[in-house]
Amino acid sequence: MQREEFKNWLVNDYKNGEGMSEGSADNRISNAQKVENIFGDFDELYDQNRLEDILDLLKYSVDDETSCKELPKGLQIDGNKYDGMATLRQAVKRYLEFKKFKSK
């Protein structure tokens, strides 16, 4: 992951230049790092398939939570699994947006 560049993009360029607070950016990066630590380097995975496999692994519905579906191997979420997986998915999506922004 291009951590510093990603943070700079989140703070300054995200949402067409609106950006987000440093604290929010740090939270997104922390969530992305959690996923990257389990599944591998985001930049390599982006080059392989635009992070699609990771996004597929992070799909988790309310029905999945109700039926106590297991999380992908290596992931642990304390609390509501549906919300936790959505948070991790959003972090990956933000990194995907960052990579697309850089390729313009």
PDB file of N, CA and C in Angstrom:
ATOM      1  N   MET A   1       0.839  -1.178   0.000  1.00  0.00           N
ATOM      2  CA  MET A   1       0.000   0.000   0.000  1.00  0.00           C
ATOM      3  C   MET A   1       0.885   1.242   0.000  1.00  0.00           C
ATOM      4  N   GLN A   2       0.473   2.189  -0.751  1.00  0.00           N
ATOM      5  CA  GLN A   2       1.177   3.469  -0.797  1.00  0.00           C
ATOM      6  C   GLN A   2       0.582   4.371   0.287  1.00  0.00           C
ATOM      7  N   ARG A   3       0.946   4.072   1.500  1.00  0.00           N
ATOM      8  CA  ARG A   3       0.309   4.648   2.683  1.00  0.00           C
ATOM      9  C   ARG A   3       0.299   6.185   2.697  1.00  0.00           C
ATOM     10  N   GLU A   4       1.446   6.804   2.527  1.00  0.00           N
ATOM     11  CA  GLU A   4       1.518   8.272   2.611  1.00  0.00           C
ATOM     12  C   GLU A   4       0.747   8.940   1.471  1.00  0.00           C
ATOM     13  N   GLU A   5       0.904   8.409   0.257  1.00  0.00           N
ATOM     14  CA  GLU A   5       0.178   8.979  -0.878  1.00  0.00           C
ATOM     15  C   GLU A   5      -1.327   8.789  -0.714  1.00  0.00           C
ATOM     16  N   PHE A   6      -1.718   7.624  -0.188  1.00  0.00           N
ATOM     17  CA  PHE A   6      -3.131   7.343   0.054  1.00  0.00           C
ATOM     18  C   PHE A   6      -3.687   8.340   1.067  1.00  0.00           C
ATOM     19  N   LYS A   7      -2.955   8.566   2.146  1.00  0.00           N
ATOM     20  CA  LYS A   7      -3.425   9.517   3.161  1.00  0.00           C
ATOM     21  C   LYS A   7      -3.545  10.918   2.561  1.00  0.00           C
ATOM     22  N   ASN A   8      -2.556  11.321   1.809  1.00  0.00           N
ATOM     23  CA  ASN A   8      -2.597  12.638   1.176  1.00  0.00           C
ATOM     24  C   ASN A   8      -3.824  12.769   0.277  1.00  0.00           C
ATOM     25  N   TRP A   9      -4.112  11.732  -0.493  1.00  0.00           N
ATOM     26  CA  TRP A   9      -5.282  11.740  -1.369  1.00  0.00           C
ATOM     27  C   TRP A   9      -6.564  11.820  -0.552  1.00  0.00           C
ATOM     28  N   LEU A  10      -6.664  11.031   0.524  1.00  0.00           N
ATOM     29  CA  LEU A  10      -7.865  11.054   1.360  1.00  0.00           C
ATOM     30  C   LEU A  10      -8.109  12.440   1.952  1.00  0.00           C
ATOM     31  N   VAL A  11      -7.059  13.077   2.424  1.00  0.00           N
ATOM     32  CA  VAL A  11      -7.184  14.379   3.088  1.00  0.00           C
ATOM     33  C   VAL A  11      -7.418  15.509   2.082  1.00  0.00           C
ATOM     34  N   ASN A  12      -6.796  15.418   0.916  1.00  0.00           N
ATOM     35  CA  ASN A  12      -6.828  16.553  -0.016  1.00  0.00           C
ATOM     36  C   ASN A  12      -7.677  16.375  -1.268  1.00  0.00           C
ATOM     37  N   ASP A  13      -7.778  15.170  -1.785  1.00  0.00           N
ATOM     38  CA  ASP A  13      -8.407  14.978  -3.094  1.00  0.00           C
ATOM     39  C   ASP A  13      -9.684  14.148  -3.083  1.00  0.00           C
ATOM     40  N   TYR A  14      -9.919  13.390  -2.033  1.00  0.00           N
ATOM     41  CA  TYR A  14     -11.113  12.537  -1.959  1.00  0.00           C
ATOM     42  C   TYR A  14     -12.371  13.392  -2.146  1.00  0.00           C
ATOM     43  N   LYS A  15     -13.358  12.846  -2.781  1.00  0.00           N
ATOM     44  CA  LYS A  15     -14.623  13.529  -3.080  1.00  0.00           C
ATOM     45  C   LYS A  15     -14.386  14.817  -3.861  1.00  0.00           C
ATOM     46  N   ASN A  16     -13.680  14.677  -4.957  1.00  0.00           N
ATOM     47  CA  ASN A  16     -13.429  15.811  -5.859  1.00  0.00           C
ATOM     48  C   ASN A  16     -12.818  17.010  -5.154  1.00  0.00           C
ATOM     49  N   GLY A  17     -11.885  16.738  -4.253  1.00  0.00           N
ATOM     50  CA  GLY A  17     -11.161  17.810  -3.594  1.00  0.00           C
ATOM     51  C   GLY A  17     -11.691  18.225  -2.237  1.00  0.00           C
ATOM     52  N   GLU A  18     -12.831  17.664  -1.822  1.00  0.00           N
ATOM     53  CA  GLU A  18     -13.353  17.984  -0.489  1.00  0.00           C
ATOM     54  C   GLU A  18     -12.457  17.398   0.595  1.00  0.00           C
ATOM     55  N   GLY A  19     -11.961  16.212   0.360  1.00  0.00           N
ATOM     56  CA  GLY A  19     -11.113  15.534   1.329  1.00  0.00           C
ATOM     57  C   GLY A  19     -11.866  15.124   2.579  1.00  0.00           C
ATOM     58  N   MET A  20     -11.126  14.611   3.536  1.00  0.00           N
ATOM     59  CA  MET A  20     -11.683  14.218   4.831  1.00  0.00           C
ATOM     60  C   MET A  20     -10.685  14.624   5.900  1.00  0.00           C
ATOM     61  N   SER A  21     -11.110  14.555   7.144  1.00  0.00           N
ATOM     62  CA  SER A  21     -10.223  14.938   8.244  1.00  0.00           C
ATOM     63  C   SER A  21      -9.063  13.948   8.360  1.00  0.00           C
ATOM     64  N   GLU A  22      -7.996  14.399   8.985  1.00  0.00           N
ATOM     65  CA  GLU A  22      -6.829  13.523   9.198  1.00  0.00           C
ATOM     66  C   GLU A  22      -7.229  12.298  10.007  1.00  0.00           C
ATOM     67  N   GLY A  23      -8.066  12.487  11.025  1.00  0.00           N
ATOM     68  CA  GLY A  23      -8.500  11.363  11.851  1.00  0.00           C
ATOM     69  C   GLY A  23      -9.279  10.332  11.060  1.00  0.00           C
ATOM     70  N   SER A  24     -10.189  10.806  10.214  1.00  0.00           N
ATOM     71  CA  SER A  24     -10.956   9.887   9.367  1.00  0.00           C
ATOM     72  C   SER A  24     -10.040   9.169   8.387  1.00  0.00           C
ATOM     73  N   ALA A  25      -9.086   9.903   7.830  1.00  0.00           N
ATOM     74  CA  ALA A  25      -8.125   9.289   6.906  1.00  0.00           C
ATOM     75  C   ALA A  25      -7.309   8.216   7.620  1.00  0.00           C
ATOM     76  N   ASP A  26      -6.860   8.512   8.830  1.00  0.00           N
ATOM     77  CA  ASP A  26      -6.100   7.520   9.603  1.00  0.00           C
ATOM     78  C   ASP A  26      -6.929   6.271   9.863  1.00  0.00           C
ATOM     79  N   ASN A  27      -8.232   6.445  10.138  1.00  0.00           N
ATOM     80  CA  ASN A  27      -9.111   5.291  10.358  1.00  0.00           C
ATOM     81  C   ASN A  27      -9.244   4.457   9.092  1.00  0.00           C
ATOM     82  N   ARG A  28      -9.427   5.108   7.954  1.00  0.00           N
ATOM     83  CA  ARG A  28      -9.535   4.378   6.681  1.00  0.00           C
ATOM     84  C   ARG A  28      -8.246   3.604   6.395  1.00  0.00           C
ATOM     85  N   ILE A  29      -7.122   4.242   6.632  1.00  0.00           N
ATOM     86  CA  ILE A  29      -5.839   3.583   6.384  1.00  0.00           C
ATOM     87  C   ILE A  29      -5.658   2.399   7.320  1.00  0.00           C
ATOM     88  N   SER A  30      -6.034   2.562   8.575  1.00  0.00           N
ATOM     89  CA  SER A  30      -5.933   1.462   9.541  1.00  0.00           C
ATOM     90  C   SER A  30      -6.793   0.280   9.105  1.00  0.00           C
ATOM     91  N   ASN A  31      -8.006   0.563   8.638  1.00  0.00           N
ATOM     92  CA  ASN A  31      -8.889  -0.503   8.165  1.00  0.00           C
ATOM     93  C   ASN A  31      -8.321  -1.172   6.917  1.00  0.00           C
ATOM     94  N   ALA A  32      -7.794  -0.374   6.008  1.00  0.00           N
ATOM     95  CA  ALA A  32      -7.188  -0.934   4.796  1.00  0.00           C
ATOM     96  C   ALA A  32      -5.978  -1.790   5.156  1.00  0.00           C
ATOM     97  N   GLN A  33      -5.190  -1.330   6.105  1.00  0.00           N
ATOM     98  CA  GLN A  33      -3.999  -2.072   6.534  1.00  0.00           C
ATOM     99  C   GLN A  33      -4.382  -3.420   7.133  1.00  0.00           C
ATOM    100  N   LYS A  34      -5.489  -3.440   7.878  1.00  0.00           N
ATOM    101  CA  LYS A  34      -5.968  -4.694   8.472  1.00  0.00           C
ATOM    102  C   LYS A  34      -6.260  -5.715   7.371  1.00  0.00           C
ATOM    103  N   VAL A  35      -6.917  -5.266   6.315  1.00  0.00           N
ATOM    104  CA  VAL A  35      -7.240  -6.158   5.196  1.00  0.00           C
ATOM    105  C   VAL A  35      -5.962  -6.560   4.461  1.00  0.00           C
ATOM    106  N   GLU A  36      -5.098  -5.595   4.218  1.00  0.00           N
ATOM    107  CA  GLU A  36      -3.858  -5.876   3.497  1.00  0.00           C
ATOM    108  C   GLU A  36      -2.984  -6.870   4.255  1.00  0.00           C
ATOM    109  N   ASN A  37      -2.936  -6.760   5.559  1.00  0.00           N
ATOM    110  CA  ASN A  37      -2.130  -7.683   6.367  1.00  0.00           C
ATOM    111  C   ASN A  37      -2.590  -9.128   6.213  1.00  0.00           C
ATOM    112  N   ILE A  38      -3.855  -9.324   5.937  1.00  0.00           N
ATOM    113  CA  ILE A  38      -4.404 -10.676   5.804  1.00  0.00           C
ATOM    114  C   ILE A  38      -4.315 -11.189   4.366  1.00  0.00           C
ATOM    115  N   PHE A  39      -4.641 -10.341   3.405  1.00  0.00           N
ATOM    116  CA  PHE A  39      -4.788 -10.807   2.031  1.00  0.00           C
ATOM    117  C   PHE A  39      -3.633 -10.467   1.099  1.00  0.00           C
ATOM    118  N   GLY A  40      -2.752  -9.581   1.507  1.00  0.00           N
ATOM    119  CA  GLY A  40      -1.605  -9.261   0.668  1.00  0.00           C
ATOM    120  C   GLY A  40      -1.576  -7.821   0.206  1.00  0.00           C
ATOM    121  N   ASP A  41      -0.460  -7.450  -0.382  1.00  0.00           N
ATOM    122  CA  ASP A  41      -0.192  -6.078  -0.803  1.00  0.00           C
ATOM    123  C   ASP A  41      -1.250  -5.568  -1.781  1.00  0.00           C
ATOM    124  N   PHE A  42      -1.884  -4.451  -1.433  1.00  0.00           N
ATOM    125  CA  PHE A  42      -2.942  -3.888  -2.267  1.00  0.00           C
ATOM    126  C   PHE A  42      -2.461  -3.521  -3.664  1.00  0.00           C
ATOM    127  N   ASP A  43      -1.246  -3.019  -3.771  1.00  0.00           N
ATOM    128  CA  ASP A  43      -0.762  -2.612  -5.092  1.00  0.00           C
ATOM    129  C   ASP A  43      -0.579  -3.816  -6.011  1.00  0.00           C
ATOM    130  N   GLU A  44      -0.067  -4.900  -5.472  1.00  0.00           N
ATOM    131  CA  GLU A  44       0.068  -6.126  -6.270  1.00  0.00           C
ATOM    132  C   GLU A  44      -1.305  -6.681  -6.633  1.00  0.00           C
ATOM    133  N   LEU A  45      -2.225  -6.680  -5.662  1.00  0.00           N
ATOM    134  CA  LEU A  45      -3.570  -7.189  -5.918  1.00  0.00           C
ATOM    135  C   LEU A  45      -4.323  -6.297  -6.904  1.00  0.00           C
ATOM    136  N   TYR A  46      -4.084  -5.015  -6.842  1.00  0.00           N
ATOM    137  CA  TYR A  46      -4.691  -4.094  -7.804  1.00  0.00           C
ATOM    138  C   TYR A  46      -4.204  -4.418  -9.215  1.00  0.00           C
ATOM    139  N   ASP A  47      -2.915  -4.663  -9.345  1.00  0.00           N
ATOM    140  CA  ASP A  47      -2.358  -4.996 -10.659  1.00  0.00           C
ATOM    141  C   ASP A  47      -2.923  -6.308 -11.197  1.00  0.00           C
ATOM    142  N   GLN A  48      -3.248  -7.239 -10.311  1.00  0.00           N
ATOM    143  CA  GLN A  48      -3.777  -8.540 -10.733  1.00  0.00           C
ATOM    144  C   GLN A  48      -5.218  -8.441 -11.198  1.00  0.00           C
ATOM    145  N   ASN A  49      -6.076  -7.807 -10.382  1.00  0.00           N
ATOM    146  CA  ASN A  49      -7.503  -7.798 -10.745  1.00  0.00           C
ATOM    147  C   ASN A  49      -8.298  -6.646 -10.138  1.00  0.00           C
ATOM    148  N   ARG A  50      -7.627  -5.525  -9.921  1.00  0.00           N
ATOM    149  CA  ARG A  50      -8.287  -4.312  -9.428  1.00  0.00           C
ATOM    150  C   ARG A  50      -8.977  -4.505  -8.077  1.00  0.00           C
ATOM    151  N   LEU A  51      -8.427  -5.402  -7.260  1.00  0.00           N
ATOM    152  CA  LEU A  51      -8.906  -5.683  -5.896  1.00  0.00           C
ATOM    153  C   LEU A  51     -10.277  -6.362  -5.867  1.00  0.00           C
ATOM    154  N   GLU A  52     -10.738  -6.847  -7.019  1.00  0.00           N
ATOM    155  CA  GLU A  52     -12.062  -7.471  -7.086  1.00  0.00           C
ATOM    156  C   GLU A  52     -12.172  -8.707  -6.195  1.00  0.00           C
ATOM    157  N   ASP A  53     -11.131  -9.540  -6.159  1.00  0.00           N
ATOM    158  CA  ASP A  53     -11.182 -10.735  -5.306  1.00  0.00           C
ATOM    159  C   ASP A  53     -11.341 -10.360  -3.839  1.00  0.00           C
ATOM    160  N   ILE A  54     -10.653  -9.306  -3.414  1.00  0.00           N
ATOM    161  CA  ILE A  54     -10.750  -8.864  -2.021  1.00  0.00           C
ATOM    162  C   ILE A  54     -12.152  -8.346  -1.739  1.00  0.00           C
ATOM    163  N   LEU A  55     -12.689  -7.543  -2.630  1.00  0.00           N
ATOM    164  CA  LEU A  55     -14.045  -7.029  -2.430  1.00  0.00           C
ATOM    165  C   LEU A  55     -15.056  -8.166  -2.369  1.00  0.00           C
ATOM    166  N   ASP A  56     -14.875  -9.191  -3.196  1.00  0.00           N
ATOM    167  CA  ASP A  56     -15.768 -10.355  -3.145  1.00  0.00           C
ATOM    168  C   ASP A  56     -15.667 -11.072  -1.800  1.00  0.00           C
ATOM    169  N   LEU A  57     -14.453 -11.221  -1.292  1.00  0.00           N
ATOM    170  CA  LEU A  57     -14.268 -11.886   0.003  1.00  0.00           C
ATOM    171  C   LEU A  57     -14.891 -11.101   1.150  1.00  0.00           C
ATOM    172  N   LEU A  58     -14.991  -9.798   0.988  1.00  0.00           N
ATOM    173  CA  LEU A  58     -15.516  -8.951   2.059  1.00  0.00           C
ATOM    174  C   LEU A  58     -17.025  -8.747   1.987  1.00  0.00           C
ATOM    175  N   LYS A  59     -17.680  -9.375   1.009  1.00  0.00           N
ATOM    176  CA  LYS A  59     -19.145  -9.286   0.949  1.00  0.00           C
ATOM    177  C   LYS A  59     -19.731 -10.034   2.139  1.00  0.00           C
ATOM    178  N   TYR A  60     -20.660  -9.376   2.820  1.00  0.00           N
ATOM    179  CA  TYR A  60     -21.264  -9.986   4.008  1.00  0.00           C
ATOM    180  C   TYR A  60     -22.600  -9.296   4.228  1.00  0.00           C
ATOM    181  N   SER A  61     -23.681 -10.049   4.090  1.00  0.00           N
ATOM    182  CA  SER A  61     -25.022  -9.479   4.181  1.00  0.00           C
ATOM    183  C   SER A  61     -25.592  -9.601   5.592  1.00  0.00           C
ATOM    184  N   VAL A  62     -26.716  -8.950   5.794  1.00  0.00           N
ATOM    185  CA  VAL A  62     -27.433  -9.078   7.066  1.00  0.00           C
ATOM    186  C   VAL A  62     -27.839 -10.534   7.258  1.00  0.00           C
ATOM    187  N   ASP A  63     -28.256 -11.190   6.172  1.00  0.00           N
ATOM    188  CA  ASP A  63     -28.604 -12.615   6.254  1.00  0.00           C
ATOM    189  C   ASP A  63     -27.397 -13.451   6.653  1.00  0.00           C
ATOM    190  N   ASP A  64     -26.223 -13.099   6.143  1.00  0.00           N
ATOM    191  CA  ASP A  64     -24.996 -13.806   6.534  1.00  0.00           C
ATOM    192  C   ASP A  64     -24.768 -13.670   8.035  1.00  0.00           C
ATOM    193  N   GLU A  65     -24.987 -12.468   8.544  1.00  0.00           N
ATOM    194  CA  GLU A  65     -24.788 -12.259   9.978  1.00  0.00           C
ATOM    195  C   GLU A  65     -25.825 -13.036  10.790  1.00  0.00           C
ATOM    196  N   THR A  66     -27.074 -13.002  10.343  1.00  0.00           N
ATOM    197  CA  THR A  66     -28.146 -13.712  11.043  1.00  0.00           C
ATOM    198  C   THR A  66     -27.875 -15.211  11.090  1.00  0.00           C
ATOM    199  N   SER A  67     -27.332 -15.736   9.998  1.00  0.00           N
ATOM    200  CA  SER A  67     -27.044 -17.173   9.940  1.00  0.00           C
ATOM    201  C   SER A  67     -25.665 -17.512  10.506  1.00  0.00           C
ATOM    202  N   CYS A  68     -24.990 -16.505  11.073  1.00  0.00           N
ATOM    203  CA  CYS A  68     -23.659 -16.695  11.690  1.00  0.00           C
ATOM    204  C   CYS A  68     -22.626 -17.231  10.699  1.00  0.00           C
ATOM    205  N   LYS A  69     -22.701 -16.748   9.453  1.00  0.00           N
ATOM    206  CA  LYS A  69     -21.716 -17.146   8.448  1.00  0.00           C
ATOM    207  C   LYS A  69     -20.324 -16.761   8.938  1.00  0.00           C
ATOM    208  N   GLU A  70     -19.377 -17.664   8.735  1.00  0.00           N
ATOM    209  CA  GLU A  70     -17.999 -17.397   9.152  1.00  0.00           C
ATOM    210  C   GLU A  70     -17.384 -16.307   8.288  1.00  0.00           C
ATOM    211  N   LEU A  71     -16.512 -15.544   8.910  1.00  0.00           N
ATOM    212  CA  LEU A  71     -15.759 -14.521   8.187  1.00  0.00           C
ATOM    213  C   LEU A  71     -14.624 -15.183   7.414  1.00  0.00           C
ATOM    214  N   PRO A  72     -14.094 -14.494   6.409  1.00  0.00           N
ATOM    215  CA  PRO A  72     -12.932 -15.045   5.704  1.00  0.00           C
ATOM    216  C   PRO A  72     -11.799 -15.349   6.682  1.00  0.00           C
ATOM    217  N   LYS A  73     -11.054 -16.396   6.382  1.00  0.00           N
ATOM    218  CA  LYS A  73      -9.963 -16.828   7.256  1.00  0.00           C
ATOM    219  C   LYS A  73      -9.012 -15.668   7.560  1.00  0.00           C
ATOM    220  N   GLY A  74      -8.726 -15.505   8.829  1.00  0.00           N
ATOM    221  CA  GLY A  74      -7.804 -14.472   9.281  1.00  0.00           C
ATOM    222  C   GLY A  74      -8.472 -13.205   9.774  1.00  0.00           C
ATOM    223  N   LEU A  75      -9.714 -12.979   9.358  1.00  0.00           N
ATOM    224  CA  LEU A  75     -10.418 -11.774   9.795  1.00  0.00           C
ATOM    225  C   LEU A  75     -11.123 -12.020  11.117  1.00  0.00           C
ATOM    226  N   GLN A  76     -11.010 -11.055  11.989  1.00  0.00           N
ATOM    227  CA  GLN A  76     -11.728 -11.110  13.259  1.00  0.00           C
ATOM    228  C   GLN A  76     -12.364  -9.749  13.482  1.00  0.00           C
ATOM    229  N   ILE A  77     -13.652  -9.757  13.766  1.00  0.00           N
ATOM    230  CA  ILE A  77     -14.372  -8.517  14.015  1.00  0.00           C
ATOM    231  C   ILE A  77     -15.084  -8.649  15.346  1.00  0.00           C
ATOM    232  N   ASP A  78     -14.791  -7.729  16.227  1.00  0.00           N
ATOM    233  CA  ASP A  78     -15.499  -7.672  17.500  1.00  0.00           C
ATOM    234  C   ASP A  78     -16.753  -6.840  17.277  1.00  0.00           C
ATOM    235  N   GLY A  79     -17.878  -7.355  17.707  1.00  0.00           N
ATOM    236  CA  GLY A  79     -19.121  -6.612  17.520  1.00  0.00           C
ATOM    237  C   GLY A  79     -19.861  -7.069  16.278  1.00  0.00           C
ATOM    238  N   ASN A  80     -20.617  -6.154  15.704  1.00  0.00           N
ATOM    239  CA  ASN A  80     -21.477  -6.436  14.571  1.00  0.00           C
ATOM    240  C   ASN A  80     -20.637  -6.763  13.333  1.00  0.00           C
ATOM    241  N   LYS A  81     -20.741  -7.992  12.877  1.00  0.00           N
ATOM    242  CA  LYS A  81     -19.928  -8.442  11.742  1.00  0.00           C
ATOM    243  C   LYS A  81     -20.341  -7.759  10.439  1.00  0.00           C
ATOM    244  N   TYR A  82     -21.632  -7.533  10.273  1.00  0.00           N
ATOM    245  CA  TYR A  82     -22.108  -6.874   9.056  1.00  0.00           C
ATOM    246  C   TYR A  82     -21.502  -5.476   8.941  1.00  0.00           C
ATOM    247  N   ASP A  83     -21.595  -4.693  10.000  1.00  0.00           N
ATOM    248  CA  ASP A  83     -21.034  -3.337   9.992  1.00  0.00           C
ATOM    249  C   ASP A  83     -19.516  -3.361   9.850  1.00  0.00           C
ATOM    250  N   GLY A  84     -18.884  -4.296  10.537  1.00  0.00           N
ATOM    251  CA  GLY A  84     -17.427  -4.408  10.465  1.00  0.00           C
ATOM    252  C   GLY A  84     -16.941  -4.734   9.066  1.00  0.00           C
ATOM    253  N   MET A  85     -17.620  -5.657   8.417  1.00  0.00           N
ATOM    254  CA  MET A  85     -17.229  -6.017   7.045  1.00  0.00           C
ATOM    255  C   MET A  85     -17.493  -4.856   6.089  1.00  0.00           C
ATOM    256  N   ALA A  86     -18.595  -4.127   6.306  1.00  0.00           N
ATOM    257  CA  ALA A  86     -18.890  -2.965   5.467  1.00  0.00           C
ATOM    258  C   ALA A  86     -17.795  -1.910   5.615  1.00  0.00           C
ATOM    259  N   THR A  87     -17.317  -1.721   6.826  1.00  0.00           N
ATOM    260  CA  THR A  87     -16.246  -0.756   7.078  1.00  0.00           C
ATOM    261  C   THR A  87     -14.968  -1.160   6.352  1.00  0.00           C
ATOM    262  N   LEU A  88     -14.625  -2.436   6.415  1.00  0.00           N
ATOM    263  CA  LEU A  88     -13.424  -2.917   5.723  1.00  0.00           C
ATOM    264  C   LEU A  88     -13.583  -2.810   4.208  1.00  0.00           C
ATOM    265  N   ARG A  89     -14.778  -3.128   3.725  1.00  0.00           N
ATOM    266  CA  ARG A  89     -15.051  -3.023   2.288  1.00  0.00           C
ATOM    267  C   ARG A  89     -14.890  -1.569   1.819  1.00  0.00           C
ATOM    268  N   GLN A  90     -15.389  -0.632   2.609  1.00  0.00           N
ATOM    269  CA  GLN A  90     -15.267   0.781   2.247  1.00  0.00           C
ATOM    270  C   GLN A  90     -13.806   1.218   2.178  1.00  0.00           C
ATOM    271  N   ALA A  91     -13.000   0.717   3.092  1.00  0.00           N
ATOM    272  CA  ALA A  91     -11.574   1.062   3.073  1.00  0.00           C
ATOM    273  C   ALA A  91     -10.920   0.568   1.782  1.00  0.00           C
ATOM    274  N   VAL A  92     -11.265  -0.640   1.360  1.00  0.00           N
ATOM    275  CA  VAL A  92     -10.715  -1.185   0.113  1.00  0.00           C
ATOM    276  C   VAL A  92     -11.223  -0.367  -1.078  1.00  0.00           C
ATOM    277  N   LYS A  93     -12.491  -0.004  -1.057  1.00  0.00           N
ATOM    278  CA  LYS A  93     -13.048   0.802  -2.147  1.00  0.00           C
ATOM    279  C   LYS A  93     -12.374   2.168  -2.237  1.00  0.00           C
ATOM    280  N   ARG A  94     -12.067   2.762  -1.095  1.00  0.00           N
ATOM    281  CA  ARG A  94     -11.356   4.051  -1.115  1.00  0.00           C
ATOM    282  C   ARG A  94      -9.978   3.881  -1.743  1.00  0.00           C
ATOM    283  N   TYR A  95      -9.295   2.773  -1.430  1.00  0.00           N
ATOM    284  CA  TYR A  95      -7.974   2.551  -2.028  1.00  0.00           C
ATOM    285  C   TYR A  95      -8.106   2.343  -3.536  1.00  0.00           C
ATOM    286  N   LEU A  96      -9.134   1.658  -3.949  1.00  0.00           N
ATOM    287  CA  LEU A  96      -9.396   1.465  -5.373  1.00  0.00           C
ATOM    288  C   LEU A  96      -9.623   2.819  -6.057  1.00  0.00           C
ATOM    289  N   GLU A  97     -10.393   3.699  -5.421  1.00  0.00           N
ATOM    290  CA  GLU A  97     -10.605   5.043  -5.965  1.00  0.00           C
ATOM    291  C   GLU A  97      -9.284   5.805  -6.066  1.00  0.00           C
ATOM    292  N   PHE A  98      -8.460   5.672  -5.034  1.00  0.00           N
ATOM    293  CA  PHE A  98      -7.146   6.316  -5.022  1.00  0.00           C
ATOM    294  C   PHE A  98      -6.302   5.839  -6.210  1.00  0.00           C
ATOM    295  N   LYS A  99      -6.269   4.539  -6.439  1.00  0.00           N
ATOM    296  CA  LYS A  99      -5.468   3.997  -7.544  1.00  0.00           C
ATOM    297  C   LYS A  99      -5.999   4.506  -8.893  1.00  0.00           C
ATOM    298  N   LYS A 100      -7.305   4.568  -9.032  1.00  0.00           N
ATOM    299  CA  LYS A 100      -7.888   5.076 -10.277  1.00  0.00           C
ATOM    300  C   LYS A 100      -7.554   6.554 -10.464  1.00  0.00           C
ATOM    301  N   PHE A 101      -7.592   7.317  -9.380  1.00  0.00           N
ATOM    302  CA  PHE A 101      -7.242   8.737  -9.421  1.00  0.00           C
ATOM    303  C   PHE A 101      -5.801   8.916  -9.888  1.00  0.00           C
ATOM    304  N   LYS A 102      -4.912   8.087  -9.359  1.00  0.00           N
ATOM    305  CA  LYS A 102      -3.491   8.179  -9.717  1.00  0.00           C
ATOM    306  C   LYS A 102      -3.239   7.834 -11.180  1.00  0.00           C
ATOM    307  N   SER A 103      -4.079   6.998 -11.752  1.00  0.00           N
ATOM    308  CA  SER A 103      -3.836   6.551 -13.126  1.00  0.00           C
ATOM    309  C   SER A 103      -4.381   7.527 -14.170  1.00  0.00           C
ATOM    310  N   LYS A 104      -5.022   8.587 -13.722  1.00  0.00           N
ATOM    311  CA  LYS A 104      -5.558   9.584 -14.673  1.00  0.00           C
ATOM    312  C   LYS A 104      -4.441  10.315 -15.371  1.00  0.00           C
TER     313      LYS A 104
END
